[in-house]
Protein backbone atom coordinates (compact mmCIF):
# COMPACT_ATOMS: atom_id res chain seq x y z
CA UNK A 1 -23.71 -10.17 -7.90
CA UNK A 2 -23.57 -12.90 -5.81
CA UNK A 3 -20.63 -12.80 -3.05
CA UNK A 4 -17.49 -14.81 -3.86
CA UNK A 5 -14.75 -15.42 -1.76
CA UNK A 6 -10.93 -16.46 -1.35
CA UNK A 7 -9.05 -16.46 1.72
CA UNK A 8 -5.36 -16.27 2.67
CA UNK A 9 -3.99 -16.22 6.07
CA UNK A 10 -1.13 -13.85 7.25
CA UNK A 11 0.85 -16.33 9.53
CA UNK A 12 2.10 -14.95 12.58
CA UNK A 13 1.46 -17.48 15.17
CA UNK A 14 -0.87 -16.02 17.72
CA UNK A 15 -1.48 -12.90 15.98
CA UNK A 16 -2.18 -14.35 12.37
CA UNK A 17 -5.12 -12.91 10.48
CA UNK A 18 -7.19 -13.70 7.38
CA UNK A 19 -7.17 -11.75 4.29
CA UNK A 20 -10.64 -12.39 2.24
CA UNK A 21 -10.73 -11.33 -1.10
CA UNK A 22 -13.94 -11.20 -3.50
CA UNK A 23 -17.25 -9.29 -4.37
CA UNK A 24 -19.76 -8.29 -2.12
CA UNK A 25 -17.89 -9.08 1.06
CA UNK A 26 -18.77 -6.09 3.12
CA UNK A 27 -22.30 -6.86 3.39
CA UNK A 28 -21.42 -10.57 4.92
CA UNK A 29 -21.55 -10.17 8.54
CA UNK A 30 -20.20 -13.27 9.54
CA UNK A 31 -16.65 -12.31 8.12
CA UNK A 32 -16.54 -9.18 10.73
CA UNK A 33 -18.38 -9.75 13.47
CA UNK A 34 -16.36 -12.78 14.99
CA UNK A 35 -13.45 -10.12 15.20
CA UNK A 36 -15.25 -7.49 17.13
CA UNK A 37 -15.57 -7.97 20.82
CA UNK A 38 -17.45 -4.96 22.00
CA UNK A 39 -20.73 -3.46 20.81
CA UNK A 40 -19.29 -0.07 19.42
CA UNK A 41 -16.53 0.20 16.89
CA UNK A 42 -14.89 3.48 15.44
CA UNK A 43 -14.78 3.76 11.61
CA UNK A 44 -12.25 5.89 10.35
CA UNK A 45 -12.99 6.86 6.72
CA UNK A 46 -12.74 10.05 4.44
CA UNK A 47 -15.04 12.48 2.72
CA UNK A 48 -14.86 10.59 -0.53
CA UNK A 49 -15.32 6.96 0.91
CA UNK A 50 -17.97 7.82 3.38
CA UNK A 51 -20.83 8.51 1.02
CA UNK A 52 -20.39 5.36 -1.00
CA UNK A 53 -19.82 2.80 1.76
CA UNK A 54 -20.02 3.93 5.31
CA UNK A 55 -23.78 2.92 5.42
CA UNK A 56 -23.14 -0.32 3.73
CA UNK A 57 -20.70 -1.27 6.51
CA UNK A 58 -22.81 0.27 9.34
CA UNK A 59 -25.79 -1.97 7.89
CA UNK A 60 -23.37 -4.87 8.32
CA UNK A 61 -22.54 -3.98 11.74
CA UNK A 62 -25.91 -3.45 12.75
CA UNK A 63 -26.77 -7.15 12.60
CA UNK A 64 -24.65 -7.71 15.36
CA UNK A 65 -26.33 -4.94 17.33
CA UNK A 66 -23.17 -3.00 17.01
CA UNK A 67 -23.09 0.89 16.91
CA UNK A 68 -20.63 2.89 14.69
CA UNK A 69 -18.77 6.00 15.69
CA UNK A 70 -18.19 7.45 12.26
CA UNK A 71 -14.77 9.70 11.85
CA UNK A 72 -14.71 11.28 8.49
CA UNK A 73 -11.59 12.62 7.65
CA UNK A 74 -10.41 14.95 4.79
CA UNK A 75 -9.23 13.16 1.25
CA UNK A 76 -5.66 13.00 0.49
CA UNK A 77 -2.22 12.39 0.90
CA UNK A 78 -1.46 15.99 2.22
CA UNK A 79 -3.62 15.24 5.03
CA UNK A 80 -1.80 12.22 6.25
CA UNK A 81 -0.39 14.35 9.33
CA UNK A 82 -0.45 14.69 13.04
CA UNK A 83 -3.20 17.47 13.06
CA UNK A 84 -5.52 14.85 11.54
CA UNK A 85 -4.17 12.16 13.47
CA UNK A 86 -5.63 13.91 16.50
CA UNK A 87 -9.04 14.10 14.80
CA UNK A 88 -9.19 10.54 15.49
CA UNK A 89 -8.00 10.64 18.99
CA UNK A 90 -10.40 13.72 19.63
CA UNK A 91 -12.99 11.56 18.52
CA UNK A 92 -12.41 8.52 20.62
CA UNK A 93 -11.65 10.33 23.69
CA UNK A 94 -14.94 12.25 23.40
CA UNK A 95 -16.85 9.04 22.91
CA UNK A 96 -14.91 7.27 25.75
CA UNK A 97 -13.67 4.17 23.34
CA UNK A 98 -12.00 1.89 25.54
CA UNK A 99 -8.80 -0.33 24.78
CA UNK A 100 -10.96 -3.00 23.67
CA UNK A 101 -13.14 -0.94 21.27
CA UNK A 102 -12.34 -2.00 17.72
CA UNK A 103 -11.26 0.51 14.87
CA UNK A 104 -12.12 -0.23 11.46
CA UNK A 105 -10.21 1.60 8.44
CA UNK A 106 -12.53 2.16 5.65
CA UNK A 107 -10.69 3.71 2.77
CA UNK A 108 -7.42 3.68 0.73
CA UNK A 109 -3.99 3.66 1.72
CA UNK A 110 -3.78 7.03 3.55
CA UNK A 111 -6.96 6.02 5.77
CA UNK A 112 -5.30 2.53 6.34
CA UNK A 113 -2.29 4.07 7.29
CA UNK A 114 -3.61 6.54 9.92
CA UNK A 115 -6.05 4.28 11.09
CA UNK A 116 -4.07 1.58 11.96
CA UNK A 117 -1.24 3.98 13.38
CA UNK A 118 -4.18 5.47 15.55
CA UNK A 119 -5.12 2.02 16.56
CA UNK A 120 -1.58 1.20 17.68
CA UNK A 121 -1.15 4.40 19.63
CA UNK A 122 -4.69 4.78 21.38
CA UNK A 123 -4.39 3.28 24.99
CA UNK A 124 -1.21 1.69 23.78
CA UNK A 125 -3.23 -0.59 21.41
CA UNK A 126 -6.67 -1.38 20.04
CA UNK A 127 -7.66 -4.05 17.84
CA UNK A 128 -8.35 -2.82 14.13
CA UNK A 129 -9.75 -4.08 10.99
CA UNK A 130 -8.78 -2.94 7.71
CA UNK A 131 -11.41 -2.85 4.71
CA UNK A 132 -9.66 -1.43 1.96
CA UNK A 133 -11.48 0.38 -0.95
CA UNK A 134 -8.69 1.04 -3.52
CA UNK A 135 -6.52 -1.64 -5.43
CA UNK A 136 -3.39 -0.36 -4.15
CA UNK A 137 -4.60 -0.63 -0.50
CA UNK A 138 -5.82 -3.97 -1.26
CA UNK A 139 -2.79 -5.49 -2.85
CA UNK A 140 -0.24 -3.77 -0.53
CA UNK A 141 -1.06 -1.33 2.15
CA UNK A 142 -3.60 -3.01 4.17
CA UNK A 143 -1.60 -6.21 4.44
CA UNK A 144 1.45 -6.30 6.81
CA UNK A 145 0.86 -3.99 9.46
CA UNK A 146 2.87 -1.21 8.55
CA UNK A 147 1.20 2.15 9.63
CA UNK A 148 2.36 5.57 9.55
CA UNK A 149 2.07 9.19 9.09
CA UNK A 150 4.11 11.67 6.77
CA UNK A 151 6.65 14.34 7.77
CA UNK A 152 7.56 17.10 5.67
CA UNK A 153 11.17 15.74 5.44
CA UNK A 154 10.12 12.24 4.45
CA UNK A 155 7.06 9.91 3.68
CA UNK A 156 5.82 7.40 6.37
CA UNK A 157 8.69 8.36 8.50
CA UNK A 158 6.70 8.28 11.94
CA UNK A 159 4.59 5.15 12.37
CA UNK A 160 4.66 1.75 14.09
CA UNK A 161 4.20 -1.86 13.07
CA UNK A 162 0.86 -3.05 14.14
CA UNK A 163 -1.01 -5.99 12.61
CA UNK A 164 -4.79 -5.89 12.09
CA UNK A 165 -7.00 -8.52 13.16
CA UNK A 166 -8.69 -8.89 9.76
CA UNK A 167 -8.56 -7.55 6.20
CA UNK A 168 -11.50 -7.60 3.89
CA UNK A 169 -10.93 -6.69 0.37
CA UNK A 170 -14.09 -6.29 -1.18
CA UNK A 171 -13.52 -6.32 -4.78
CA UNK A 172 -17.03 -4.13 -5.33
CA UNK A 173 -15.53 -1.22 -4.14
CA UNK A 174 -13.09 -0.93 -7.25
CA UNK A 175 -16.29 -0.28 -9.37
CA UNK A 176 -16.28 3.12 -7.90
CA UNK A 177 -12.42 3.96 -7.88
CA UNK A 178 -11.35 7.02 -10.17
CA UNK A 179 -9.29 5.51 -13.16
CA UNK A 180 -6.03 7.38 -12.43
CA UNK A 181 -6.21 5.49 -8.73
CA UNK A 182 -6.84 2.12 -10.18
CA UNK A 183 -3.98 2.96 -12.37
CA UNK A 184 -2.01 3.92 -9.43
CA UNK A 185 -2.75 0.32 -7.95
CA UNK A 186 -1.52 -1.49 -10.65
CA UNK A 187 2.24 -0.26 -9.98
CA UNK A 188 2.00 -2.19 -6.85
CA UNK A 189 0.84 -5.14 -8.32
CA UNK A 190 3.50 -5.24 -11.12
CA UNK A 191 5.90 -4.98 -8.33
CA UNK A 192 5.49 -8.44 -7.22
CA UNK A 193 5.91 -9.99 -10.37
CA UNK A 194 9.27 -7.92 -10.64
CA UNK A 195 10.56 -8.71 -7.37
CA UNK A 196 9.94 -12.27 -6.77
CA UNK A 197 7.39 -13.77 -9.19
CA UNK A 198 8.08 -14.11 -12.65
CA UNK A 199 5.14 -16.39 -13.85
CA UNK A 200 2.82 -13.43 -12.15
CA UNK A 201 4.79 -11.22 -14.20
CA UNK A 202 4.10 -12.98 -17.40
CA UNK A 203 0.35 -13.18 -16.61
CA UNK A 204 0.15 -9.50 -16.08
CA UNK A 205 1.75 -8.98 -19.74
CA UNK A 206 -1.07 -10.54 -20.91
CA UNK A 207 -3.61 -9.39 -18.87
CA UNK A 208 -2.93 -5.58 -18.14
CA UNK A 209 -5.91 -4.51 -20.44
CA UNK A 210 -8.31 -6.75 -18.46
CA UNK A 211 -7.37 -5.37 -15.21
CA UNK A 212 -7.52 -1.53 -16.71
CA UNK A 213 -11.47 -2.75 -17.72
CA UNK A 214 -11.86 -3.97 -14.39
CA UNK A 215 -12.72 -7.52 -15.14
CA UNK A 216 -13.68 -9.20 -11.94
CA UNK A 217 -11.91 -12.31 -12.40
CA UNK A 218 -8.74 -10.73 -13.54
CA UNK A 219 -8.87 -8.58 -10.60
CA UNK A 220 -9.64 -11.18 -8.04
CA UNK A 221 -6.44 -13.35 -9.49
CA UNK A 222 -4.34 -10.17 -9.34
CA UNK A 223 -5.16 -9.20 -5.71
CA UNK A 224 -5.01 -12.81 -4.45
CA UNK A 225 -1.69 -13.24 -6.29
CA UNK A 226 -0.56 -10.22 -4.91
CA UNK A 227 -1.61 -10.35 -1.19
CA UNK A 228 -0.22 -14.01 -1.42
CA UNK A 229 3.16 -12.78 -2.28
CA UNK A 230 3.17 -9.97 0.46
CA UNK A 231 1.78 -12.35 3.16
CA UNK A 232 4.71 -14.83 2.33
CA UNK A 233 7.33 -12.04 2.98
CA UNK A 234 5.47 -10.70 6.28
CA UNK A 235 5.29 -14.10 7.89
CA UNK A 236 9.01 -14.64 7.11
CA UNK A 237 10.15 -10.78 7.97
CA UNK A 238 7.49 -9.28 9.73
CA UNK A 239 9.67 -5.91 10.97
CA UNK A 240 11.36 -5.53 7.67
CA UNK A 241 14.95 -6.67 8.97
CA UNK A 242 15.68 -8.68 5.54
CA UNK A 243 13.46 -9.90 2.73
CA UNK A 244 10.52 -7.93 3.26
CA UNK A 245 12.39 -4.84 2.14
CA UNK A 246 12.26 -6.10 -1.49
CA UNK A 247 8.83 -4.93 -1.39
CA UNK A 248 10.17 -1.33 -1.64
CA UNK A 249 11.20 -1.78 -5.32
CA UNK A 250 10.94 1.77 -6.84
CA UNK A 251 9.85 3.40 -3.14
CA UNK A 252 13.17 5.00 -2.19
CA UNK A 253 13.22 7.05 -5.55
CA UNK A 254 9.24 7.20 -5.47
CA UNK A 255 9.00 8.60 -1.85
CA UNK A 256 11.36 11.34 -2.93
CA UNK A 257 9.15 12.16 -5.73
CA UNK A 258 6.36 12.49 -3.50
CA UNK A 259 7.86 14.44 -0.99
CA UNK A 260 9.73 16.59 -3.31
CA UNK A 261 6.74 17.54 -5.40
CA UNK A 262 4.56 18.13 -1.95
CA UNK A 263 2.23 15.26 -0.85
CA UNK A 264 -0.62 14.50 -2.99
CA UNK A 265 0.61 15.82 -6.43
CA UNK A 266 2.01 12.41 -7.61
CA UNK A 267 -0.26 9.74 -6.18
CA UNK A 268 1.97 7.00 -4.61
CA UNK A 269 1.48 4.24 -7.31
CA UNK A 270 2.72 6.94 -9.69
CA UNK A 271 5.99 7.78 -8.18
CA UNK A 272 6.40 4.10 -7.61
CA UNK A 273 6.19 3.46 -11.14
CA UNK A 274 8.60 6.18 -12.07
CA UNK A 275 11.12 5.13 -9.10
CA UNK A 276 10.89 1.59 -10.69
CA UNK A 277 12.21 2.62 -13.84
CA UNK A 278 14.82 4.43 -12.12
CA UNK A 279 15.92 1.21 -10.29
CA UNK A 280 15.72 -0.38 -13.29
CA UNK A 281 18.08 2.04 -14.98
CA UNK A 282 20.53 1.32 -12.41
CA UNK A 283 19.99 -2.34 -12.74
CA UNK A 284 21.26 -2.20 -16.16
CA UNK A 285 24.15 0.01 -15.35
CA UNK A 286 25.58 -2.40 -12.80
CA UNK A 287 25.23 -5.10 -15.46
CA UNK A 288 22.47 -7.03 -13.80
CA UNK A 289 19.29 -6.02 -16.40
CA UNK A 290 20.09 -5.36 -20.21
CA UNK A 291 18.50 -2.91 -22.50
CA UNK A 292 15.58 -5.21 -23.59
CA UNK A 293 14.94 -5.96 -20.11
CA UNK A 294 14.31 -2.36 -19.07
CA UNK A 295 12.22 -1.88 -22.56
CA UNK A 296 10.06 -4.68 -21.08
CA UNK A 297 9.61 -3.21 -17.92
CA UNK A 298 8.57 0.15 -19.47
CA UNK A 299 6.32 -1.14 -21.74
CA UNK A 300 4.24 -2.57 -19.16
CA UNK A 301 4.04 0.27 -17.09
CA UNK A 302 3.08 2.51 -20.07
CA UNK A 303 0.60 0.27 -20.99
CA UNK A 304 -1.09 0.42 -17.20
CA UNK A 305 -1.01 4.26 -18.05
CA UNK A 306 1.64 4.91 -15.47
CA UNK A 307 4.64 7.46 -16.04
CA UNK A 308 8.00 6.10 -16.82
CA UNK A 309 10.20 9.05 -16.22
CA UNK A 310 10.26 11.28 -13.06
CA UNK A 311 10.14 15.04 -12.24
CA UNK A 312 13.14 16.83 -12.76
CA UNK A 313 13.82 17.68 -9.32
CA UNK A 314 17.53 17.56 -9.50
CA UNK A 315 20.08 15.05 -8.77
CA UNK A 316 21.09 16.89 -5.48
CA UNK A 317 17.40 17.11 -4.12
CA UNK A 318 16.69 13.30 -5.06
CA UNK A 319 19.86 12.40 -2.94
CA UNK A 320 19.00 14.61 -0.11
CA UNK A 321 15.45 13.34 -0.17
CA UNK A 322 16.56 9.67 -0.29
CA UNK A 323 18.86 10.38 2.57
CA UNK A 324 15.71 10.33 4.99
CA UNK A 325 14.91 6.92 3.77
CA UNK A 326 14.03 4.21 6.14
CA UNK A 327 16.56 1.69 4.51
CA UNK A 328 19.39 3.96 4.92
CA UNK A 329 21.66 2.03 7.57
CA UNK A 330 24.88 3.23 9.09
CA UNK A 331 24.49 6.24 6.85
CA UNK A 332 24.58 4.01 3.79
CA UNK A 333 21.65 4.29 1.53
CA UNK A 334 20.61 0.56 0.26
CA UNK A 335 18.27 0.28 -2.55
CA UNK A 336 16.26 -2.33 -3.81
CA UNK A 337 17.36 -3.30 -7.28
CA UNK A 338 16.91 -6.19 -10.05
CA UNK A 339 19.39 -8.92 -10.71
CA UNK A 340 16.79 -10.18 -13.42
CA UNK A 341 12.86 -9.58 -13.89
CA UNK A 342 11.64 -11.77 -11.01
CA UNK A 343 14.38 -11.56 -8.65
CA UNK A 344 15.30 -8.32 -6.55
CA UNK A 345 17.99 -7.74 -4.23
CA UNK A 346 18.97 -5.20 -1.74
CA UNK A 347 22.26 -3.39 -2.83
CA UNK A 348 24.80 -0.98 -1.45
CA UNK A 349 26.78 -1.51 -4.68
CA UNK A 350 25.74 1.54 -6.61
CA UNK A 351 27.83 4.61 -6.49
CA UNK A 352 26.61 8.03 -5.95
CA UNK A 353 27.58 8.71 -9.51
CA UNK A 354 25.90 5.81 -10.89
CA UNK A 355 22.54 6.88 -8.80
CA UNK A 356 22.84 10.04 -10.21
CA UNK A 357 23.06 8.93 -13.51
CA UNK A 358 20.41 6.49 -13.50
CA UNK A 359 18.07 9.63 -11.82
CA UNK A 360 19.12 12.04 -14.73
CA UNK A 361 18.28 9.18 -17.44
CA UNK A 362 14.91 8.82 -16.01
CA UNK A 363 13.62 12.33 -15.07
CA UNK A 364 12.64 14.90 -17.21
């Protein structure tokens, strides 16, 4: 298929960077080479993605006479650890990589988070590029500069804000994405409609099946609209001190599910979907959503093939896991809830009893 491209910009003054979205972009050297200053790059990827796309990227870089140091990591959320991160540092130190060497993260959210965190730390900061290969990473984790690894007590608790030089979202990579991973990515797409873009939410209700069948035009629109929403929030609130936190709808409950079940048992998007329904249930208890709204939200997640009930970890376990959340401030848990479909708010209004009731109602 002939390459097609749309471009957005994350506006952060001198640290602004483009997000290119389209088909066949990984083969376009003119999109990548201007962002690389040395003749050597590090490509961090994993055992699943490397056989599919490492040579495609290497061939593109070869047009600029750039050599590639591949660092191929094990695949899975359970490997998002200090031990795996050190494999990146070991490879870069062994190859005498410099501060000006570019690191390219080629993979999904785990690779993007770990590659970005390694780039933030190595010699106190090296340039890096995001080449996300999953729907979830294309619409969310590759944009905005949040990088991290997990800790047994909490997901993404150790990390840094560190912006890439470029995000290259090649929709061709979604052709090889397993169905379960595609569906997980849709949870983050639906999120944008719920928190701030009701027109997009309406579009999703009419087009969710097209996305599931990987219709390229529908995917291009969904990725572009999602990234446009995130780019606006990041430009306004880079370090998540205010409005950007709304992107965490469903995530406080979802991260509790991921941590409580053991990293990798639930995909991130699956946990976010179930967490979003807990948040919707709580929003209904507070009198903001009505039962019809909750049913409408449940329906789109069901149509997307995503879970709408969390695992029965027990209210006490959920609350303990949530107490480690990054949105806890002065000992108070702040939750992203819905005033209505298309309008999210940060709130401390829910009581522990109400939170527990919502968990009980939505966890089986």
